[in-house]
Amino acid sequence: MAAATAFFIAIAGYAGEKDGDRTGIGSGADTDGWNDASSGVFPDWLQVNFNGSHVLSSVTVVTLQDNCPGPAEPDAAMTFSAFGMTAFDVQVWNGSSWTTVGSVTGNDKVMRNVTFAPVAASAIRIVCNNALSNYCRLVEVEARDDRNWAAATNGASATASSSLSAACPVAAIIDGERKGPNWGSGGGWNDATPNAYPDWARIDFSGHQWFDQVSVYALQDNYPNPVEPTNQTTFARYGITSFEVQVWNGVNWIGMGSVRN
C-alpha cells in the first residue's frame, strides 16, 4: 500500500504494489506514475508500506523522462532536463521513526539506485526536496536486498566437479570480480574434462537465504584485457553456451532456470 502528500494522478509503480514498469508509458493517463498536487512547493513525499518487516539494502527511484509520450527503458546513464526530481531523500521506517538512509542532490538521472547498509524496515518513504517544472514526478520505486549471497565476503564457499589446475580455482567465481582479470592465474574457474559434459560449480551460502535471481559471468573473448561486462557483452570463443541454475532445498536440487543455445 502507498500514501503520499497529495495526488495529481493515480499512483502506480512503487515497491510492494509496483507495476514493474520503469518507462512510465502512458504517464498522464491515470495509470503509470505519481505527480504531487502542490505546484512549486517542496518537500513532497510518497510512502510505501510493506506486508511486514523486510531487510533492504537498496532502493531504485525512477523519475519522469523528457520524452514521456514515447519513453524508452531507462538505464543508469539516461538523463533528464524537463521533468525529473533533482533532490530527494530515501527514508526507512524502523517501527518508531523515519531514518534517512540516502540523499541525492543535483540529480539529472532518470533512474537512481541508492544503496545503504542492510536494514530491516516495514515501510519506505521518498522525500522529494526539489524537481524541475514545479512538480515531483515518480514513475517507479523498487526496494530490495541487493546483497550477493554467493560472495566469499558474505560467507559463501565454492566447490566444483573438477578444476583444470590450481591456477583456475573455483573460489574465483565468488570473489566479486566480474571481468575475470588474471585468467589462468587465479582469475576464474576452468573444468578439467575437455569436451565432457555436464560439469558443475556449487556455491554454499553461510545459511538459508532468500533470493530471486542468479547472474552468471563467462570468460570474455579478449580475456587479457577484459572490460566490465553488461547485458550486451557477447562472446564468440570461450563462453558457456548452455547451462542450468539449480537450488538446494535441503533435500534435492531443483532446476530454477536454464539457458540453451
C-alpha atoms as a PDB file:
ATOM      1  CA  MET A   1       0.000   0.000   0.000  1.00  0.00           C
ATOM      2  CA  ALA A   2       1.164   3.554  -0.649  1.00  0.00           C
ATOM      3  CA  ALA A   3       0.398   7.001   0.653  1.00  0.00           C
ATOM      4  CA  ALA A   4       1.517  10.426  -0.493  1.00  0.00           C
ATOM      5  CA  THR A   5       1.348  14.091   0.436  1.00  0.00           C
ATOM      6  CA  ALA A   6      -1.052  14.750  -2.415  1.00  0.00           C
ATOM      7  CA  PHE A   7      -2.222  13.125  -5.603  1.00  0.00           C
ATOM      8  CA  PHE A   8      -2.370  14.722  -9.037  1.00  0.00           C
ATOM      9  CA  ILE A   9      -2.712  11.479 -10.961  1.00  0.00           C
ATOM     10  CA  ALA A  10      -3.242   7.967  -9.661  1.00  0.00           C
ATOM     11  CA  ILE A  11      -0.303   6.156  -8.095  1.00  0.00           C
ATOM     12  CA  ALA A  12       1.269   3.212  -9.835  1.00  0.00           C
ATOM     13  CA  GLY A  13       4.751   1.819  -9.911  1.00  0.00           C
ATOM     14  CA  TYR A  14       6.064   1.553  -6.381  1.00  0.00           C
ATOM     15  CA  ALA A  15       7.604  -1.178  -4.241  1.00  0.00           C
ATOM     16  CA  GLY A  16       5.120  -3.560  -2.606  1.00  0.00           C
ATOM     17  CA  GLU A  17       2.365  -2.932  -5.137  1.00  0.00           C
ATOM     18  CA  LYS A  18       4.520  -1.700  -8.045  1.00  0.00           C
ATOM     19  CA  ASP A  19       3.530  -2.280 -11.637  1.00  0.00           C
ATOM     20  CA  GLY A  20       7.098  -3.109 -12.669  1.00  0.00           C
ATOM     21  CA  ASP A  21       7.147  -0.546 -15.492  1.00  0.00           C
ATOM     22  CA  ARG A  22      10.129   1.799 -15.325  1.00  0.00           C
ATOM     23  CA  THR A  23       9.334   3.664 -18.543  1.00  0.00           C
ATOM     24  CA  GLY A  24       6.213   5.490 -17.369  1.00  0.00           C
ATOM     25  CA  ILE A  25       4.468   4.764 -20.639  1.00  0.00           C
ATOM     26  CA  GLY A  26       1.011   6.272 -20.550  1.00  0.00           C
ATOM     27  CA  SER A  27       2.006   8.902 -17.961  1.00  0.00           C
ATOM     28  CA  GLY A  28      -0.785  11.386 -17.563  1.00  0.00           C
ATOM     29  CA  ALA A  29      -3.382   8.686 -18.218  1.00  0.00           C
ATOM     30  CA  ASP A  30      -4.009   7.975 -14.505  1.00  0.00           C
ATOM     31  CA  THR A  31      -2.096   4.712 -14.595  1.00  0.00           C
ATOM     32  CA  ASP A  32       1.651   4.994 -14.825  1.00  0.00           C
ATOM     33  CA  GLY A  33       3.107   7.477 -12.391  1.00  0.00           C
ATOM     34  CA  TRP A  34       2.701   9.771  -9.424  1.00  0.00           C
ATOM     35  CA  ASN A  35       2.609  13.575  -9.545  1.00  0.00           C
ATOM     36  CA  ASP A  36       2.161  15.676  -6.411  1.00  0.00           C
ATOM     37  CA  ALA A  37      -0.531  18.361  -6.274  1.00  0.00           C
ATOM     38  CA  SER A  38       1.402  21.284  -4.762  1.00  0.00           C
ATOM     39  CA  SER A  39       2.999  23.200  -7.627  1.00  0.00           C
ATOM     40  CA  GLY A  40       6.364  24.695  -6.688  1.00  0.00           C
ATOM     41  CA  VAL A  41       6.053  23.685  -3.009  1.00  0.00           C
ATOM     42  CA  PHE A  42       8.572  21.239  -1.527  1.00  0.00           C
ATOM     43  CA  PRO A  43       9.128  18.802   0.095  1.00  0.00           C
ATOM     44  CA  ASP A  44       6.606  16.210  -1.028  1.00  0.00           C
ATOM     45  CA  TRP A  45       6.703  12.531  -0.185  1.00  0.00           C
ATOM     46  CA  LEU A  46       5.488   9.123  -1.244  1.00  0.00           C
ATOM     47  CA  GLN A  47       5.317   6.314   1.304  1.00  0.00           C
ATOM     48  CA  VAL A  48       5.204   2.587   0.566  1.00  0.00           C
ATOM     49  CA  ASN A  49       4.060   0.187   3.291  1.00  0.00           C
ATOM     50  CA  PHE A  50       5.216  -3.434   3.054  1.00  0.00           C
ATOM     51  CA  ASN A  51       3.296  -6.506   4.177  1.00  0.00           C
ATOM     52  CA  GLY A  52       5.698  -6.911   7.102  1.00  0.00           C
ATOM     53  CA  SER A  53       9.299  -6.171   8.023  1.00  0.00           C
ATOM     54  CA  HIS A  54      11.882  -6.831   5.302  1.00  0.00           C
ATOM     55  CA  VAL A  55      15.644  -6.416   5.082  1.00  0.00           C
ATOM     56  CA  LEU A  56      16.600  -3.843   2.442  1.00  0.00           C
ATOM     57  CA  SER A  57      19.921  -2.647   1.085  1.00  0.00           C
ATOM     58  CA  SER A  58      18.904  -0.641  -1.989  1.00  0.00           C
ATOM     59  CA  VAL A  59      16.079   1.476  -3.364  1.00  0.00           C
ATOM     60  CA  THR A  60      15.747   2.338  -7.050  1.00  0.00           C
ATOM     61  CA  VAL A  61      13.961   5.594  -7.863  1.00  0.00           C
ATOM     62  CA  VAL A  62      12.749   6.289 -11.408  1.00  0.00           C
ATOM     63  CA  THR A  63      11.540   9.776 -12.310  1.00  0.00           C
ATOM     64  CA  LEU A  64       9.838  11.017 -15.486  1.00  0.00           C
ATOM     65  CA  GLN A  65      11.710  11.036 -18.801  1.00  0.00           C
ATOM     66  CA  ASP A  66      11.785  14.100 -21.057  1.00  0.00           C
ATOM     67  CA  ASN A  67      10.089  12.193 -23.871  1.00  0.00           C
ATOM     68  CA  CYS A  68       7.286  10.865 -21.718  1.00  0.00           C
ATOM     69  CA  PRO A  69       4.904  10.251 -24.677  1.00  0.00           C
ATOM     70  CA  GLY A  70       7.457   7.848 -26.180  1.00  0.00           C
ATOM     71  CA  PRO A  71       9.609   6.619 -23.291  1.00  0.00           C
ATOM     72  CA  ALA A  72      12.482   4.150 -23.502  1.00  0.00           C
ATOM     73  CA  GLU A  73      13.656   1.618 -20.936  1.00  0.00           C
ATOM     74  CA  PRO A  74      15.851   3.705 -18.602  1.00  0.00           C
ATOM     75  CA  ASP A  75      19.385   2.813 -17.596  1.00  0.00           C
ATOM     76  CA  ALA A  76      21.899   4.371 -15.221  1.00  0.00           C
ATOM     77  CA  ALA A  77      23.168   6.755 -17.931  1.00  0.00           C
ATOM     78  CA  MET A  78      19.812   8.214 -19.035  1.00  0.00           C
ATOM     79  CA  THR A  79      19.444  11.894 -18.084  1.00  0.00           C
ATOM     80  CA  PHE A  80      16.552  14.368 -17.972  1.00  0.00           C
ATOM     81  CA  SER A  81      16.239  18.124 -18.436  1.00  0.00           C
ATOM     82  CA  ALA A  82      12.495  18.732 -18.228  1.00  0.00           C
ATOM     83  CA  PHE A  83      10.501  16.902 -15.549  1.00  0.00           C
ATOM     84  CA  GLY A  84      12.747  14.916 -13.212  1.00  0.00           C
ATOM     85  CA  MET A  85      13.365  15.088  -9.466  1.00  0.00           C
ATOM     86  CA  THR A  86      16.661  16.853  -8.748  1.00  0.00           C
ATOM     87  CA  ALA A  87      16.898  16.276  -4.991  1.00  0.00           C
ATOM     88  CA  PHE A  88      15.393  13.582  -2.786  1.00  0.00           C
ATOM     89  CA  ASP A  89      15.904  11.506   0.353  1.00  0.00           C
ATOM     90  CA  VAL A  90      15.271   7.800   0.840  1.00  0.00           C
ATOM     91  CA  GLN A  91      13.928   7.000   4.295  1.00  0.00           C
ATOM     92  CA  VAL A  92      13.035   3.742   6.052  1.00  0.00           C
ATOM     93  CA  TRP A  93      10.576   3.155   8.886  1.00  0.00           C
ATOM     94  CA  ASN A  94      12.178   1.157  11.707  1.00  0.00           C
ATOM     95  CA  GLY A  95       8.973   0.780  13.700  1.00  0.00           C
ATOM     96  CA  SER A  96       9.218   4.023  15.628  1.00  0.00           C
ATOM     97  CA  SER A  97      10.792   6.678  13.399  1.00  0.00           C
ATOM     98  CA  TRP A  98      11.904   7.563   9.884  1.00  0.00           C
ATOM     99  CA  THR A  99      15.619   7.207   9.211  1.00  0.00           C
ATOM    100  CA  THR A 100      17.296   8.704   6.150  1.00  0.00           C
ATOM    101  CA  VAL A 101      19.488   6.054   4.509  1.00  0.00           C
ATOM    102  CA  GLY A 102      20.410   8.001   1.388  1.00  0.00           C
ATOM    103  CA  SER A 103      20.225  11.508  -0.070  1.00  0.00           C
ATOM    104  CA  VAL A 104      20.618  12.667  -3.669  1.00  0.00           C
ATOM    105  CA  THR A 105      21.191  16.284  -4.734  1.00  0.00           C
ATOM    106  CA  GLY A 106      21.936  17.813  -8.115  1.00  0.00           C
ATOM    107  CA  ASN A 107      20.331  14.830  -9.791  1.00  0.00           C
ATOM    108  CA  ASP A 108      19.911  14.662 -13.565  1.00  0.00           C
ATOM    109  CA  LYS A 109      19.476  10.876 -13.883  1.00  0.00           C
ATOM    110  CA  VAL A 110      16.124   9.333 -14.748  1.00  0.00           C
ATOM    111  CA  MET A 111      16.969   6.237 -12.707  1.00  0.00           C
ATOM    112  CA  ARG A 112      18.995   6.357  -9.487  1.00  0.00           C
ATOM    113  CA  ASN A 113      19.884   3.372  -7.344  1.00  0.00           C
ATOM    114  CA  VAL A 114      20.518   4.281  -3.707  1.00  0.00           C
ATOM    115  CA  THR A 115      22.451   1.671  -1.723  1.00  0.00           C
ATOM    116  CA  PHE A 116      22.955   1.508   2.039  1.00  0.00           C
ATOM    117  CA  ALA A 117      23.849  -0.882   4.839  1.00  0.00           C
ATOM    118  CA  PRO A 118      21.197  -3.621   5.197  1.00  0.00           C
ATOM    119  CA  VAL A 119      18.347  -2.525   7.440  1.00  0.00           C
ATOM    120  CA  ALA A 120      15.013  -4.031   8.480  1.00  0.00           C
ATOM    121  CA  ALA A 121      12.053  -1.851   7.552  1.00  0.00           C
ATOM    122  CA  SER A 122       8.280  -2.114   7.276  1.00  0.00           C
ATOM    123  CA  ALA A 123       7.951   0.940   5.010  1.00  0.00           C
ATOM    124  CA  ILE A 124       9.993   3.309   2.883  1.00  0.00           C
ATOM    125  CA  ARG A 125       9.453   6.936   2.001  1.00  0.00           C
ATOM    126  CA  ILE A 126      10.785   9.005  -0.891  1.00  0.00           C
ATOM    127  CA  VAL A 127      11.015  12.654   0.149  1.00  0.00           C
ATOM    128  CA  CYS A 128      11.216  14.916  -2.898  1.00  0.00           C
ATOM    129  CA  ASN A 129      13.074  18.113  -1.988  1.00  0.00           C
ATOM    130  CA  ASN A 130      13.239  19.688  -5.442  1.00  0.00           C
ATOM    131  CA  ALA A 131      12.263  18.968  -9.025  1.00  0.00           C
ATOM    132  CA  LEU A 132      12.040  20.549 -12.451  1.00  0.00           C
ATOM    133  CA  SER A 133       8.807  22.060 -13.794  1.00  0.00           C
ATOM    134  CA  ASN A 134       7.298  22.630 -10.325  1.00  0.00           C
ATOM    135  CA  TYR A 135       6.187  19.074  -9.515  1.00  0.00           C
ATOM    136  CA  CYS A 136       7.608  15.856  -8.068  1.00  0.00           C
ATOM    137  CA  ARG A 137       7.104  13.021 -10.532  1.00  0.00           C
ATOM    138  CA  LEU A 138       7.752   9.335  -9.828  1.00  0.00           C
ATOM    139  CA  VAL A 139       7.373   6.524 -12.330  1.00  0.00           C
ATOM    140  CA  GLU A 140       8.679   3.605 -10.273  1.00  0.00           C
ATOM    141  CA  VAL A 141      10.104   2.844  -6.843  1.00  0.00           C
ATOM    142  CA  GLU A 142      11.729  -0.520  -6.165  1.00  0.00           C
ATOM    143  CA  ALA A 143      13.108  -1.771  -2.846  1.00  0.00           C
ATOM    144  CA  ARG A 144      15.223  -4.877  -2.434  1.00  0.00           C
ATOM    145  CA  ASP A 145      18.104  -6.540  -0.637  1.00  0.00           C
ATOM    146  CA  ASP A 146      20.949  -6.458  -3.156  1.00  0.00           C
ATOM    147  CA  ARG A 147      23.479  -8.404  -1.119  1.00  0.00           C
ATOM    148  CA  ASN A 148      25.298 -11.082  -3.113  1.00  0.00           C
ATOM    149  CA  TRP A 149      24.890 -14.270  -1.083  1.00  0.00           C
ATOM    150  CA  ALA A 150      27.275 -16.030  -3.472  1.00  0.00           C
ATOM    151  CA  ALA A 151      30.194 -13.827  -2.399  1.00  0.00           C
ATOM    152  CA  ALA A 152      33.016 -15.040  -0.200  1.00  0.00           C
ATOM    153  CA  THR A 153      32.762 -11.781   1.713  1.00  0.00           C
ATOM    154  CA  ASN A 154      29.251 -12.847   2.770  1.00  0.00           C
ATOM    155  CA  GLY A 155      30.429 -16.246   3.964  1.00  0.00           C
ATOM    156  CA  ALA A 156      29.960 -18.293   0.779  1.00  0.00           C
ATOM    157  CA  SER A 157      32.236 -21.158  -0.277  1.00  0.00           C
ATOM    158  CA  ALA A 158      32.599 -22.877  -3.659  1.00  0.00           C
ATOM    159  CA  THR A 159      33.323 -26.400  -4.930  1.00  0.00           C
ATOM    160  CA  ALA A 160      33.322 -27.884  -8.427  1.00  0.00           C
ATOM    161  CA  SER A 161      33.146 -31.165 -10.333  1.00  0.00           C
ATOM    162  CA  SER A 162      36.808 -30.663 -11.307  1.00  0.00           C
ATOM    163  CA  SER A 163      39.394 -27.915 -11.775  1.00  0.00           C
ATOM    164  CA  LEU A 164      41.988 -27.780 -14.536  1.00  0.00           C
ATOM    165  CA  SER A 165      44.725 -26.650 -12.163  1.00  0.00           C
ATOM    166  CA  ALA A 166      45.409 -24.564  -9.096  1.00  0.00           C
ATOM    167  CA  ALA A 167      45.634 -21.597 -11.464  1.00  0.00           C
ATOM    168  CA  CYS A 168      41.910 -21.985 -12.289  1.00  0.00           C
ATOM    169  CA  PRO A 169      40.313 -22.262  -8.833  1.00  0.00           C
ATOM    170  CA  VAL A 170      36.572 -22.425  -8.330  1.00  0.00           C
ATOM    171  CA  ALA A 171      36.982 -19.943  -5.465  1.00  0.00           C
ATOM    172  CA  ALA A 172      37.473 -17.271  -8.141  1.00  0.00           C
ATOM    173  CA  ILE A 173      33.765 -17.343  -9.008  1.00  0.00           C
ATOM    174  CA  ILE A 174      32.833 -15.878  -5.623  1.00  0.00           C
ATOM    175  CA  ASP A 175      35.488 -13.154  -5.359  1.00  0.00           C
ATOM    176  CA  GLY A 176      33.194 -10.352  -6.590  1.00  0.00           C
ATOM    177  CA  GLU A 177      35.208  -9.703  -9.765  1.00  0.00           C
ATOM    178  CA  ARG A 178      33.025  -9.963 -12.888  1.00  0.00           C
ATOM    179  CA  LYS A 179      35.633  -9.198 -15.549  1.00  0.00           C
ATOM    180  CA  GLY A 180      37.830 -12.226 -14.927  1.00  0.00           C
ATOM    181  CA  PRO A 181      41.224 -10.491 -14.890  1.00  0.00           C
ATOM    182  CA  ASN A 182      44.362 -12.619 -14.494  1.00  0.00           C
ATOM    183  CA  TRP A 183      42.795 -15.548 -16.293  1.00  0.00           C
ATOM    184  CA  GLY A 184      44.992 -18.591 -15.821  1.00  0.00           C
ATOM    185  CA  SER A 185      46.457 -17.061 -12.680  1.00  0.00           C
ATOM    186  CA  GLY A 186      43.540 -17.333 -10.294  1.00  0.00           C
ATOM    187  CA  GLY A 187      41.059 -15.161 -12.198  1.00  0.00           C
ATOM    188  CA  GLY A 188      38.396 -17.775 -12.907  1.00  0.00           C
ATOM    189  CA  TRP A 189      37.364 -21.422 -12.879  1.00  0.00           C
ATOM    190  CA  ASN A 190      38.036 -23.928 -15.692  1.00  0.00           C
ATOM    191  CA  ASP A 191      36.902 -27.563 -15.514  1.00  0.00           C
ATOM    192  CA  ALA A 192      39.395 -30.384 -16.141  1.00  0.00           C
ATOM    193  CA  THR A 193      37.375 -32.579 -18.549  1.00  0.00           C
ATOM    194  CA  PRO A 194      37.679 -31.272 -22.137  1.00  0.00           C
ATOM    195  CA  ASN A 195      34.592 -31.940 -24.279  1.00  0.00           C
ATOM    196  CA  ALA A 196      32.943 -33.958 -21.495  1.00  0.00           C
ATOM    197  CA  TYR A 197      29.692 -32.556 -20.098  1.00  0.00           C
ATOM    198  CA  PRO A 198      27.998 -31.775 -17.789  1.00  0.00           C
ATOM    199  CA  ASP A 199      30.296 -30.037 -15.329  1.00  0.00           C
ATOM    200  CA  TRP A 200      29.177 -28.110 -12.276  1.00  0.00           C
ATOM    201  CA  ALA A 201      30.197 -25.427  -9.827  1.00  0.00           C
ATOM    202  CA  ARG A 202      28.459 -25.300  -6.446  1.00  0.00           C
ATOM    203  CA  ILE A 203      28.217 -22.381  -4.034  1.00  0.00           C
ATOM    204  CA  ASP A 204      27.246 -22.940  -0.403  1.00  0.00           C
ATOM    205  CA  PHE A 205      25.855 -19.951   1.476  1.00  0.00           C
ATOM    206  CA  SER A 206      26.519 -19.108   5.100  1.00  0.00           C
ATOM    207  CA  GLY A 207      22.918 -20.083   5.878  1.00  0.00           C
ATOM    208  CA  HIS A 208      19.433 -20.191   4.392  1.00  0.00           C
ATOM    209  CA  GLN A 209      18.872 -17.117   2.195  1.00  0.00           C
ATOM    210  CA  TRP A 210      16.065 -15.735   0.060  1.00  0.00           C
ATOM    211  CA  PHE A 211      16.913 -14.599  -3.470  1.00  0.00           C
ATOM    212  CA  ASP A 212      15.179 -14.209  -6.820  1.00  0.00           C
ATOM    213  CA  GLN A 213      17.976 -14.056  -9.387  1.00  0.00           C
ATOM    214  CA  VAL A 214      21.369 -15.504 -10.244  1.00  0.00           C
ATOM    215  CA  SER A 215      23.900 -13.773 -12.514  1.00  0.00           C
ATOM    216  CA  VAL A 216      26.433 -15.911 -14.391  1.00  0.00           C
ATOM    217  CA  TYR A 217      29.582 -14.437 -15.995  1.00  0.00           C
ATOM    218  CA  ALA A 218      31.586 -16.421 -18.562  1.00  0.00           C
ATOM    219  CA  LEU A 219      35.048 -15.733 -20.000  1.00  0.00           C
ATOM    220  CA  GLN A 220      35.361 -12.800 -22.394  1.00  0.00           C
ATOM    221  CA  ASP A 221      36.998 -13.181 -25.809  1.00  0.00           C
ATOM    222  CA  ASN A 222      39.648 -10.584 -25.007  1.00  0.00           C
ATOM    223  CA  TYR A 223      40.397 -12.017 -21.588  1.00  0.00           C
ATOM    224  CA  PRO A 224      43.883 -10.458 -21.332  1.00  0.00           C
ATOM    225  CA  ASN A 225      42.153  -7.050 -21.398  1.00  0.00           C
ATOM    226  CA  PRO A 226      38.645  -7.625 -20.037  1.00  0.00           C
ATOM    227  CA  VAL A 227      36.027  -4.921 -19.562  1.00  0.00           C
ATOM    228  CA  GLU A 228      33.226  -4.638 -17.029  1.00  0.00           C
ATOM    229  CA  PRO A 229      30.509  -6.842 -18.580  1.00  0.00           C
ATOM    230  CA  THR A 230      26.953  -5.706 -19.270  1.00  0.00           C
ATOM    231  CA  ASN A 231      23.875  -7.487 -20.604  1.00  0.00           C
ATOM    232  CA  GLN A 232      25.076  -6.524 -24.096  1.00  0.00           C
ATOM    233  CA  THR A 233      28.588  -8.019 -23.791  1.00  0.00           C
ATOM    234  CA  THR A 234      28.803 -11.051 -26.098  1.00  0.00           C
ATOM    235  CA  PHE A 235      31.376 -13.780 -26.675  1.00  0.00           C
ATOM    236  CA  ALA A 236      32.389 -15.914 -29.651  1.00  0.00           C
ATOM    237  CA  ARG A 237      35.221 -18.047 -28.266  1.00  0.00           C
ATOM    238  CA  TYR A 238      35.253 -19.249 -24.668  1.00  0.00           C
ATOM    239  CA  GLY A 239      31.832 -18.772 -23.095  1.00  0.00           C
ATOM    240  CA  ILE A 240      29.396 -21.384 -21.829  1.00  0.00           C
ATOM    241  CA  THR A 241      26.505 -21.731 -24.282  1.00  0.00           C
ATOM    242  CA  SER A 242      24.169 -23.965 -22.300  1.00  0.00           C
ATOM    243  CA  PHE A 243      23.666 -24.137 -18.552  1.00  0.00           C
ATOM    244  CA  GLU A 244      21.130 -24.634 -15.777  1.00  0.00           C
ATOM    245  CA  VAL A 245      20.747 -22.870 -12.441  1.00  0.00           C
ATOM    246  CA  GLN A 246      19.731 -25.166  -9.593  1.00  0.00           C
ATOM    247  CA  VAL A 247      18.994 -24.553  -5.909  1.00  0.00           C
ATOM    248  CA  TRP A 248      19.271 -26.955  -2.972  1.00  0.00           C
ATOM    249  CA  ASN A 249      16.079 -27.068  -0.926  1.00  0.00           C
ATOM    250  CA  GLY A 250      17.586 -29.170   1.842  1.00  0.00           C
ATOM    251  CA  VAL A 251      16.658 -32.461   0.181  1.00  0.00           C
ATOM    252  CA  ASN A 252      17.015 -32.146  -3.589  1.00  0.00           C
ATOM    253  CA  TRP A 253      18.484 -29.983  -6.336  1.00  0.00           C
ATOM    254  CA  ILE A 254      15.698 -28.066  -8.087  1.00  0.00           C
ATOM    255  CA  GLY A 255      16.142 -26.526 -11.541  1.00  0.00           C
ATOM    256  CA  MET A 256      15.118 -22.862 -11.413  1.00  0.00           C
ATOM    257  CA  GLY A 257      16.183 -21.675 -14.851  1.00  0.00           C
ATOM    258  CA  SER A 258      18.106 -22.770 -17.909  1.00  0.00           C
ATOM    259  CA  VAL A 259      19.854 -21.198 -20.892  1.00  0.00           C
ATOM    260  CA  ARG A 260      20.119 -23.103 -24.161  1.00  0.00           C
ATOM    261  CA  ASN A 261      21.817 -22.269 -27.451  1.00  0.00           C
END
